[in-house]
Amino acid sequence: MNIEDVQAKLVAFLEKLPASGFDTIADSDVSELESLAGEADSLGMNSGKKLIANLVLALKARKAGENTDESVQLRITALDFYVTHLEHGEPEDL
């Protein structure tokens, strides 16, 4: 997998997320996101890995009732901004 593949998969993931009610997101979707964090890590995409991991943690906390939709939405917005502005360059800068 390359950077463009990770970007495309993140875009597809973000597009299918609900606008609220994040506690209803399937565990398989969270696992998919964890897999993408691993791909970002293997490509050296430090910022991408961190943003994806933060969203995974927020989603898990939301499903457990320990987080709010607003907290999850903040992390989605950060990841969406990252994906939208992802440009080719050195992976460690991404």
PDB file of N, CA and C in Angstrom:
ATOM      1  N   MET A   1       0.855  -1.169   0.000  1.00  0.00           N
ATOM      2  CA  MET A   1       0.000   0.000   0.000  1.00  0.00           C
ATOM      3  C   MET A   1       0.903   1.233   0.000  1.00  0.00           C
ATOM      4  N   ASN A   2       0.460   2.285  -0.694  1.00  0.00           N
ATOM      5  CA  ASN A   2       1.224   3.529  -0.713  1.00  0.00           C
ATOM      6  C   ASN A   2       0.406   4.661  -0.081  1.00  0.00           C
ATOM      7  N   ILE A   3       0.991   5.830  -0.034  1.00  0.00           N
ATOM      8  CA  ILE A   3       0.346   6.975   0.618  1.00  0.00           C
ATOM      9  C   ILE A   3      -1.000   7.304  -0.020  1.00  0.00           C
ATOM     10  N   GLU A   4      -1.052   7.243  -1.351  1.00  0.00           N
ATOM     11  CA  GLU A   4      -2.307   7.554  -2.050  1.00  0.00           C
ATOM     12  C   GLU A   4      -3.393   6.549  -1.698  1.00  0.00           C
ATOM     13  N   ASP A   5      -3.018   5.278  -1.514  1.00  0.00           N
ATOM     14  CA  ASP A   5      -3.991   4.256  -1.117  1.00  0.00           C
ATOM     15  C   ASP A   5      -4.540   4.543   0.276  1.00  0.00           C
ATOM     16  N   VAL A   6      -3.657   4.902   1.196  1.00  0.00           N
ATOM     17  CA  VAL A   6      -4.094   5.241   2.554  1.00  0.00           C
ATOM     18  C   VAL A   6      -5.033   6.438   2.502  1.00  0.00           C
ATOM     19  N   GLN A   7      -4.673   7.437   1.721  1.00  0.00           N
ATOM     20  CA  GLN A   7      -5.517   8.617   1.596  1.00  0.00           C
ATOM     21  C   GLN A   7      -6.896   8.237   1.064  1.00  0.00           C
ATOM     22  N   ALA A   8      -6.951   7.437   0.022  1.00  0.00           N
ATOM     23  CA  ALA A   8      -8.233   7.039  -0.570  1.00  0.00           C
ATOM     24  C   ALA A   8      -9.086   6.250   0.424  1.00  0.00           C
ATOM     25  N   LYS A   9      -8.462   5.356   1.194  1.00  0.00           N
ATOM     26  CA  LYS A   9      -9.212   4.577   2.166  1.00  0.00           C
ATOM     27  C   LYS A   9      -9.720   5.449   3.316  1.00  0.00           C
ATOM     28  N   LEU A  10      -8.919   6.424   3.712  1.00  0.00           N
ATOM     29  CA  LEU A  10      -9.377   7.340   4.763  1.00  0.00           C
ATOM     30  C   LEU A  10     -10.543   8.186   4.278  1.00  0.00           C
ATOM     31  N   VAL A  11     -10.476   8.660   3.040  1.00  0.00           N
ATOM     32  CA  VAL A  11     -11.583   9.442   2.474  1.00  0.00           C
ATOM     33  C   VAL A  11     -12.857   8.603   2.473  1.00  0.00           C
ATOM     34  N   ALA A  12     -12.758   7.363   2.003  1.00  0.00           N
ATOM     35  CA  ALA A  12     -13.925   6.477   1.964  1.00  0.00           C
ATOM     36  C   ALA A  12     -14.465   6.228   3.372  1.00  0.00           C
ATOM     37  N   PHE A  13     -13.570   6.044   4.337  1.00  0.00           N
ATOM     38  CA  PHE A  13     -14.000   5.816   5.720  1.00  0.00           C
ATOM     39  C   PHE A  13     -14.722   7.039   6.266  1.00  0.00           C
ATOM     40  N   LEU A  14     -14.141   8.211   6.067  1.00  0.00           N
ATOM     41  CA  LEU A  14     -14.743   9.436   6.597  1.00  0.00           C
ATOM     42  C   LEU A  14     -16.095   9.719   5.953  1.00  0.00           C
ATOM     43  N   GLU A  15     -16.252   9.385   4.688  1.00  0.00           N
ATOM     44  CA  GLU A  15     -17.519   9.640   3.997  1.00  0.00           C
ATOM     45  C   GLU A  15     -18.661   8.787   4.525  1.00  0.00           C
ATOM     46  N   LYS A  16     -18.360   7.616   5.061  1.00  0.00           N
ATOM     47  CA  LYS A  16     -19.436   6.747   5.530  1.00  0.00           C
ATOM     48  C   LYS A  16     -19.774   6.937   7.010  1.00  0.00           C
ATOM     49  N   LEU A  17     -19.028   7.799   7.698  1.00  0.00           N
ATOM     50  CA  LEU A  17     -19.325   8.049   9.109  1.00  0.00           C
ATOM     51  C   LEU A  17     -20.622   8.831   9.268  1.00  0.00           C
ATOM     52  N   PRO A  18     -21.386   8.515  10.298  1.00  0.00           N
ATOM     53  CA  PRO A  18     -22.597   9.302  10.562  1.00  0.00           C
ATOM     54  C   PRO A  18     -22.223  10.686  11.086  1.00  0.00           C
ATOM     55  N   ALA A  19     -23.149  11.606  11.015  1.00  0.00           N
ATOM     56  CA  ALA A  19     -22.905  12.969  11.491  1.00  0.00           C
ATOM     57  C   ALA A  19     -22.931  13.032  13.017  1.00  0.00           C
ATOM     58  N   SER A  20     -23.571  12.083  13.651  1.00  0.00           N
ATOM     59  CA  SER A  20     -23.618  12.018  15.116  1.00  0.00           C
ATOM     60  C   SER A  20     -23.946  10.572  15.498  1.00  0.00           C
ATOM     61  N   GLY A  21     -24.074  10.329  16.782  1.00  0.00           N
ATOM     62  CA  GLY A  21     -24.368   8.976  17.223  1.00  0.00           C
ATOM     63  C   GLY A  21     -23.216   8.024  16.979  1.00  0.00           C
ATOM     64  N   PHE A  22     -22.026   8.482  17.295  1.00  0.00           N
ATOM     65  CA  PHE A  22     -20.828   7.711  16.991  1.00  0.00           C
ATOM     66  C   PHE A  22     -20.732   6.411  17.778  1.00  0.00           C
ATOM     67  N   ASP A  23     -21.533   6.269  18.814  1.00  0.00           N
ATOM     68  CA  ASP A  23     -21.521   5.026  19.577  1.00  0.00           C
ATOM     69  C   ASP A  23     -22.137   3.876  18.786  1.00  0.00           C
ATOM     70  N   THR A  24     -22.769   4.181  17.654  1.00  0.00           N
ATOM     71  CA  THR A  24     -23.374   3.144  16.820  1.00  0.00           C
ATOM     72  C   THR A  24     -22.420   2.612  15.753  1.00  0.00           C
ATOM     73  N   ILE A  25     -21.225   3.141  15.674  1.00  0.00           N
ATOM     74  CA  ILE A  25     -20.258   2.693  14.672  1.00  0.00           C
ATOM     75  C   ILE A  25     -19.840   1.256  14.993  1.00  0.00           C
ATOM     76  N   ALA A  26     -19.839   0.428  13.964  1.00  0.00           N
ATOM     77  CA  ALA A  26     -19.523  -0.992  14.130  1.00  0.00           C
ATOM     78  C   ALA A  26     -18.066  -1.194  14.535  1.00  0.00           C
ATOM     79  N   ASP A  27     -17.850  -2.250  15.324  1.00  0.00           N
ATOM     80  CA  ASP A  27     -16.492  -2.595  15.733  1.00  0.00           C
ATOM     81  C   ASP A  27     -15.609  -2.885  14.527  1.00  0.00           C
ATOM     82  N   SER A  28     -16.201  -3.436  13.473  1.00  0.00           N
ATOM     83  CA  SER A  28     -15.420  -3.730  12.264  1.00  0.00           C
ATOM     84  C   SER A  28     -14.900  -2.448  11.620  1.00  0.00           C
ATOM     85  N   ASP A  29     -15.678  -1.359  11.723  1.00  0.00           N
ATOM     86  CA  ASP A  29     -15.224  -0.078  11.186  1.00  0.00           C
ATOM     87  C   ASP A  29     -14.053   0.468  12.002  1.00  0.00           C
ATOM     88  N   VAL A  30     -14.113   0.308  13.309  1.00  0.00           N
ATOM     89  CA  VAL A  30     -13.013   0.741  14.172  1.00  0.00           C
ATOM     90  C   VAL A  30     -11.773  -0.094  13.875  1.00  0.00           C
ATOM     91  N   SER A  31     -11.957  -1.393  13.648  1.00  0.00           N
ATOM     92  CA  SER A  31     -10.831  -2.266  13.292  1.00  0.00           C
ATOM     93  C   SER A  31     -10.219  -1.852  11.966  1.00  0.00           C
ATOM     94  N   GLU A  32     -11.065  -1.470  11.016  1.00  0.00           N
ATOM     95  CA  GLU A  32     -10.576  -0.994   9.719  1.00  0.00           C
ATOM     96  C   GLU A  32      -9.708   0.248   9.903  1.00  0.00           C
ATOM     97  N   LEU A  33     -10.148   1.140  10.764  1.00  0.00           N
ATOM     98  CA  LEU A  33      -9.390   2.348  11.033  1.00  0.00           C
ATOM     99  C   LEU A  33      -8.067   2.028  11.719  1.00  0.00           C
ATOM    100  N   GLU A  34      -8.076   1.072  12.631  1.00  0.00           N
ATOM    101  CA  GLU A  34      -6.830   0.644  13.284  1.00  0.00           C
ATOM    102  C   GLU A  34      -5.857   0.075  12.253  1.00  0.00           C
ATOM    103  N   SER A  35      -6.380  -0.653  11.295  1.00  0.00           N
ATOM    104  CA  SER A  35      -5.547  -1.198  10.229  1.00  0.00           C
ATOM    105  C   SER A  35      -4.910  -0.077   9.407  1.00  0.00           C
ATOM    106  N   LEU A  36      -5.685   0.962   9.142  1.00  0.00           N
ATOM    107  CA  LEU A  36      -5.154   2.106   8.398  1.00  0.00           C
ATOM    108  C   LEU A  36      -4.074   2.830   9.201  1.00  0.00           C
ATOM    109  N   ALA A  37      -4.218   2.870  10.511  1.00  0.00           N
ATOM    110  CA  ALA A  37      -3.174   3.464  11.353  1.00  0.00           C
ATOM    111  C   ALA A  37      -1.889   2.659  11.220  1.00  0.00           C
ATOM    112  N   GLY A  38      -2.019   1.343  11.158  1.00  0.00           N
ATOM    113  CA  GLY A  38      -0.851   0.493  10.970  1.00  0.00           C
ATOM    114  C   GLY A  38      -0.190   0.718   9.616  1.00  0.00           C
ATOM    115  N   GLU A  39      -1.004   0.894   8.583  1.00  0.00           N
ATOM    116  CA  GLU A  39      -0.470   1.173   7.248  1.00  0.00           C
ATOM    117  C   GLU A  39       0.263   2.517   7.234  1.00  0.00           C
ATOM    118  N   ALA A  40      -0.345   3.519   7.869  1.00  0.00           N
ATOM    119  CA  ALA A  40       0.288   4.837   7.945  1.00  0.00           C
ATOM    120  C   ALA A  40       1.618   4.732   8.684  1.00  0.00           C
ATOM    121  N   ASP A  41       1.642   3.948   9.739  1.00  0.00           N
ATOM    122  CA  ASP A  41       2.874   3.757  10.505  1.00  0.00           C
ATOM    123  C   ASP A  41       3.945   3.089   9.647  1.00  0.00           C
ATOM    124  N   SER A  42       3.565   2.053   8.909  1.00  0.00           N
ATOM    125  CA  SER A  42       4.550   1.339   8.086  1.00  0.00           C
ATOM    126  C   SER A  42       5.090   2.211   6.958  1.00  0.00           C
ATOM    127  N   LEU A  43       4.305   3.220   6.548  1.00  0.00           N
ATOM    128  CA  LEU A  43       4.761   4.153   5.518  1.00  0.00           C
ATOM    129  C   LEU A  43       5.526   5.336   6.102  1.00  0.00           C
ATOM    130  N   GLY A  44       5.593   5.399   7.426  1.00  0.00           N
ATOM    131  CA  GLY A  44       6.300   6.495   8.080  1.00  0.00           C
ATOM    132  C   GLY A  44       5.488   7.773   8.154  1.00  0.00           C
ATOM    133  N   MET A  45       4.170   7.669   8.021  1.00  0.00           N
ATOM    134  CA  MET A  45       3.284   8.845   8.055  1.00  0.00           C
ATOM    135  C   MET A  45       2.965   9.166   9.519  1.00  0.00           C
ATOM    136  N   ASN A  46       3.884   9.851  10.178  1.00  0.00           N
ATOM    137  CA  ASN A  46       3.762  10.083  11.616  1.00  0.00           C
ATOM    138  C   ASN A  46       2.508  10.855  12.004  1.00  0.00           C
ATOM    139  N   SER A  47       2.223  11.935  11.319  1.00  0.00           N
ATOM    140  CA  SER A  47       1.041  12.731  11.657  1.00  0.00           C
ATOM    141  C   SER A  47      -0.241  11.956  11.370  1.00  0.00           C
ATOM    142  N   GLY A  48      -0.275  11.280  10.239  1.00  0.00           N
ATOM    143  CA  GLY A  48      -1.453  10.487   9.888  1.00  0.00           C
ATOM    144  C   GLY A  48      -1.720   9.399  10.904  1.00  0.00           C
ATOM    145  N   LYS A  49      -0.670   8.693  11.301  1.00  0.00           N
ATOM    146  CA  LYS A  49      -0.810   7.630  12.299  1.00  0.00           C
ATOM    147  C   LYS A  49      -1.370   8.193  13.600  1.00  0.00           C
ATOM    148  N   LYS A  50      -0.854   9.325  14.030  1.00  0.00           N
ATOM    149  CA  LYS A  50      -1.298   9.932  15.288  1.00  0.00           C
ATOM    150  C   LYS A  50      -2.764  10.358  15.212  1.00  0.00           C
ATOM    151  N   LEU A  51      -3.154  10.996  14.106  1.00  0.00           N
ATOM    152  CA  LEU A  51      -4.541  11.445  13.958  1.00  0.00           C
ATOM    153  C   LEU A  51      -5.513  10.269  13.887  1.00  0.00           C
ATOM    154  N   ILE A  52      -5.125   9.223  13.187  1.00  0.00           N
ATOM    155  CA  ILE A  52      -5.985   8.043  13.086  1.00  0.00           C
ATOM    156  C   ILE A  52      -6.101   7.369  14.452  1.00  0.00           C
ATOM    157  N   ALA A  53      -4.987   7.218  15.141  1.00  0.00           N
ATOM    158  CA  ALA A  53      -4.999   6.593  16.466  1.00  0.00           C
ATOM    159  C   ALA A  53      -5.855   7.395  17.446  1.00  0.00           C
ATOM    160  N   ASN A  54      -5.787   8.717  17.377  1.00  0.00           N
ATOM    161  CA  ASN A  54      -6.614   9.557  18.248  1.00  0.00           C
ATOM    162  C   ASN A  54      -8.100   9.339  17.978  1.00  0.00           C
ATOM    163  N   LEU A  55      -8.462   9.197  16.697  1.00  0.00           N
ATOM    164  CA  LEU A  55      -9.862   8.948  16.354  1.00  0.00           C
ATOM    165  C   LEU A  55     -10.295   7.569  16.841  1.00  0.00           C
ATOM    166  N   VAL A  56      -9.446   6.584  16.696  1.00  0.00           N
ATOM    167  CA  VAL A  56      -9.771   5.235  17.188  1.00  0.00           C
ATOM    168  C   VAL A  56     -10.045   5.273  18.686  1.00  0.00           C
ATOM    169  N   LEU A  57      -9.171   5.917  19.438  1.00  0.00           N
ATOM    170  CA  LEU A  57      -9.359   6.003  20.893  1.00  0.00           C
ATOM    171  C   LEU A  57     -10.650   6.729  21.247  1.00  0.00           C
ATOM    172  N   ALA A  58     -10.940   7.809  20.531  1.00  0.00           N
ATOM    173  CA  ALA A  58     -12.158   8.571  20.794  1.00  0.00           C
ATOM    174  C   ALA A  58     -13.407   7.748  20.476  1.00  0.00           C
ATOM    175  N   LEU A  59     -13.372   6.999  19.376  1.00  0.00           N
ATOM    176  CA  LEU A  59     -14.521   6.163  19.015  1.00  0.00           C
ATOM    177  C   LEU A  59     -14.740   5.053  20.041  1.00  0.00           C
ATOM    178  N   LYS A  60     -13.665   4.427  20.492  1.00  0.00           N
ATOM    179  CA  LYS A  60     -13.790   3.379  21.501  1.00  0.00           C
ATOM    180  C   LYS A  60     -14.343   3.946  22.804  1.00  0.00           C
ATOM    181  N   ALA A  61     -13.857   5.119  23.190  1.00  0.00           N
ATOM    182  CA  ALA A  61     -14.365   5.754  24.408  1.00  0.00           C
ATOM    183  C   ALA A  61     -15.834   6.127  24.255  1.00  0.00           C
ATOM    184  N   ARG A  62     -16.227   6.576  23.075  1.00  0.00           N
ATOM    185  CA  ARG A  62     -17.628   6.951  22.831  1.00  0.00           C
ATOM    186  C   ARG A  62     -18.524   5.730  22.925  1.00  0.00           C
ATOM    187  N   LYS A  63     -18.081   4.622  22.339  1.00  0.00           N
ATOM    188  CA  LYS A  63     -18.866   3.393  22.393  1.00  0.00           C
ATOM    189  C   LYS A  63     -19.031   2.907  23.834  1.00  0.00           C
ATOM    190  N   ALA A  64     -18.056   3.209  24.672  1.00  0.00           N
ATOM    191  CA  ALA A  64     -18.107   2.814  26.081  1.00  0.00           C
ATOM    192  C   ALA A  64     -18.850   3.840  26.933  1.00  0.00           C
ATOM    193  N   GLY A  65     -19.316   4.913  26.309  1.00  0.00           N
ATOM    194  CA  GLY A  65     -20.041   5.953  27.042  1.00  0.00           C
ATOM    195  C   GLY A  65     -19.140   6.884  27.821  1.00  0.00           C
ATOM    196  N   GLU A  66     -17.858   6.892  27.501  1.00  0.00           N
ATOM    197  CA  GLU A  66     -16.889   7.700  28.237  1.00  0.00           C
ATOM    198  C   GLU A  66     -16.467   8.950  27.484  1.00  0.00           C
ATOM    199  N   ASN A  67     -17.156   9.274  26.411  1.00  0.00           N
ATOM    200  CA  ASN A  67     -16.762  10.389  25.555  1.00  0.00           C
ATOM    201  C   ASN A  67     -18.022  10.994  24.938  1.00  0.00           C
ATOM    202  N   THR A  68     -17.894  12.165  24.384  1.00  0.00           N
ATOM    203  CA  THR A  68     -19.028  12.824  23.752  1.00  0.00           C
ATOM    204  C   THR A  68     -18.891  12.807  22.233  1.00  0.00           C
ATOM    205  N   ASP A  69     -20.004  13.032  21.551  1.00  0.00           N
ATOM    206  CA  ASP A  69     -19.963  13.141  20.092  1.00  0.00           C
ATOM    207  C   ASP A  69     -19.069  14.298  19.663  1.00  0.00           C
ATOM    208  N   GLU A  70     -19.071  15.373  20.436  1.00  0.00           N
ATOM    209  CA  GLU A  70     -18.263  16.537  20.084  1.00  0.00           C
ATOM    210  C   GLU A  70     -16.772  16.204  20.095  1.00  0.00           C
ATOM    211  N   SER A  71     -16.356  15.400  21.045  1.00  0.00           N
ATOM    212  CA  SER A  71     -14.954  14.991  21.120  1.00  0.00           C
ATOM    213  C   SER A  71     -14.566  14.164  19.896  1.00  0.00           C
ATOM    214  N   VAL A  72     -15.447  13.258  19.493  1.00  0.00           N
ATOM    215  CA  VAL A  72     -15.191  12.443  18.307  1.00  0.00           C
ATOM    216  C   VAL A  72     -15.185  13.329  17.067  1.00  0.00           C
ATOM    217  N   GLN A  73     -16.146  14.236  16.984  1.00  0.00           N
ATOM    218  CA  GLN A  73     -16.243  15.112  15.814  1.00  0.00           C
ATOM    219  C   GLN A  73     -14.989  15.970  15.655  1.00  0.00           C
ATOM    220  N   LEU A  74     -14.419  16.418  16.736  1.00  0.00           N
ATOM    221  CA  LEU A  74     -13.182  17.198  16.683  1.00  0.00           C
ATOM    222  C   LEU A  74     -12.058  16.389  16.040  1.00  0.00           C
ATOM    223  N   ARG A  75     -11.953  15.140  16.414  1.00  0.00           N
ATOM    224  CA  ARG A  75     -10.908  14.284  15.838  1.00  0.00           C
ATOM    225  C   ARG A  75     -11.183  13.941  14.381  1.00  0.00           C
ATOM    226  N   ILE A  76     -12.458  13.796  14.033  1.00  0.00           N
ATOM    227  CA  ILE A  76     -12.821  13.565  12.629  1.00  0.00           C
ATOM    228  C   ILE A  76     -12.463  14.785  11.796  1.00  0.00           C
ATOM    229  N   THR A  77     -12.756  15.957  12.306  1.00  0.00           N
ATOM    230  CA  THR A  77     -12.442  17.197  11.589  1.00  0.00           C
ATOM    231  C   THR A  77     -10.943  17.323  11.368  1.00  0.00           C
ATOM    232  N   ALA A  78     -10.146  17.017  12.384  1.00  0.00           N
ATOM    233  CA  ALA A  78      -8.686  17.089  12.250  1.00  0.00           C
ATOM    234  C   ALA A  78      -8.191  16.101  11.202  1.00  0.00           C
ATOM    235  N   LEU A  79      -8.719  14.874  11.225  1.00  0.00           N
ATOM    236  CA  LEU A  79      -8.311  13.871  10.247  1.00  0.00           C
ATOM    237  C   LEU A  79      -8.775  14.250   8.845  1.00  0.00           C
ATOM    238  N   ASP A  80      -9.976  14.787   8.735  1.00  0.00           N
ATOM    239  CA  ASP A  80     -10.489  15.221   7.434  1.00  0.00           C
ATOM    240  C   ASP A  80      -9.622  16.339   6.854  1.00  0.00           C
ATOM    241  N   PHE A  81      -9.233  17.292   7.678  1.00  0.00           N
ATOM    242  CA  PHE A  81      -8.359  18.372   7.223  1.00  0.00           C
ATOM    243  C   PHE A  81      -7.029  17.803   6.737  1.00  0.00           C
ATOM    244  N   TYR A  82      -6.479  16.874   7.499  1.00  0.00           N
ATOM    245  CA  TYR A  82      -5.217  16.232   7.136  1.00  0.00           C
ATOM    246  C   TYR A  82      -5.337  15.527   5.787  1.00  0.00           C
ATOM    247  N   VAL A  83      -6.376  14.725   5.624  1.00  0.00           N
ATOM    248  CA  VAL A  83      -6.560  13.957   4.391  1.00  0.00           C
ATOM    249  C   VAL A  83      -6.788  14.890   3.206  1.00  0.00           C
ATOM    250  N   THR A  84      -7.567  15.940   3.404  1.00  0.00           N
ATOM    251  CA  THR A  84      -7.862  16.885   2.333  1.00  0.00           C
ATOM    252  C   THR A  84      -6.609  17.610   1.868  1.00  0.00           C
ATOM    253  N   HIS A  85      -5.707  17.887   2.782  1.00  0.00           N
ATOM    254  CA  HIS A  85      -4.510  18.664   2.457  1.00  0.00           C
ATOM    255  C   HIS A  85      -3.250  17.817   2.343  1.00  0.00           C
ATOM    256  N   LEU A  86      -3.433  16.501   2.305  1.00  0.00           N
ATOM    257  CA  LEU A  86      -2.300  15.596   2.182  1.00  0.00           C
ATOM    258  C   LEU A  86      -1.660  15.776   0.815  1.00  0.00           C
ATOM    259  N   GLU A  87      -0.400  16.107   0.822  1.00  0.00           N
ATOM    260  CA  GLU A  87       0.337  16.278  -0.426  1.00  0.00           C
ATOM    261  C   GLU A  87       1.519  15.346  -0.403  1.00  0.00           C
ATOM    262  N   HIS A  88       2.006  15.056  -1.576  1.00  0.00           N
ATOM    263  CA  HIS A  88       3.183  14.186  -1.670  1.00  0.00           C
ATOM    264  C   HIS A  88       4.383  14.906  -1.066  1.00  0.00           C
ATOM    265  N   GLY A  89       5.201  14.159  -0.434  1.00  0.00           N
ATOM    266  CA  GLY A  89       6.383  14.698   0.216  1.00  0.00           C
ATOM    267  C   GLY A  89       7.044  13.580   0.987  1.00  0.00           C
ATOM    268  N   GLU A  90       7.895  13.946   1.878  1.00  0.00           N
ATOM    269  CA  GLU A  90       8.552  12.950   2.701  1.00  0.00           C
ATOM    270  C   GLU A  90       7.519  12.384   3.691  1.00  0.00           C
ATOM    271  N   PRO A  91       7.381  11.059   3.780  1.00  0.00           N
ATOM    272  CA  PRO A  91       6.359  10.472   4.625  1.00  0.00           C
ATOM    273  C   PRO A  91       6.395  10.958   6.073  1.00  0.00           C
ATOM    274  N   GLU A  92       7.586  11.174   6.623  1.00  0.00           N
ATOM    275  CA  GLU A  92       7.645  11.598   8.022  1.00  0.00           C
ATOM    276  C   GLU A  92       7.053  12.971   8.236  1.00  0.00           C
ATOM    277  N   ASP A  93       6.915  13.752   7.170  1.00  0.00           N
ATOM    278  CA  ASP A  93       6.298  15.067   7.265  1.00  0.00           C
ATOM    279  C   ASP A  93       4.778  15.010   7.133  1.00  0.00           C
ATOM    280  N   LEU A  94       4.270  13.842   6.752  1.00  0.00           N
ATOM    281  CA  LEU A  94       2.840  13.727   6.495  1.00  0.00           C
ATOM    282  C   LEU A  94       2.101  13.312   7.722  1.00  0.00           C
TER     283      LEU A  94
END
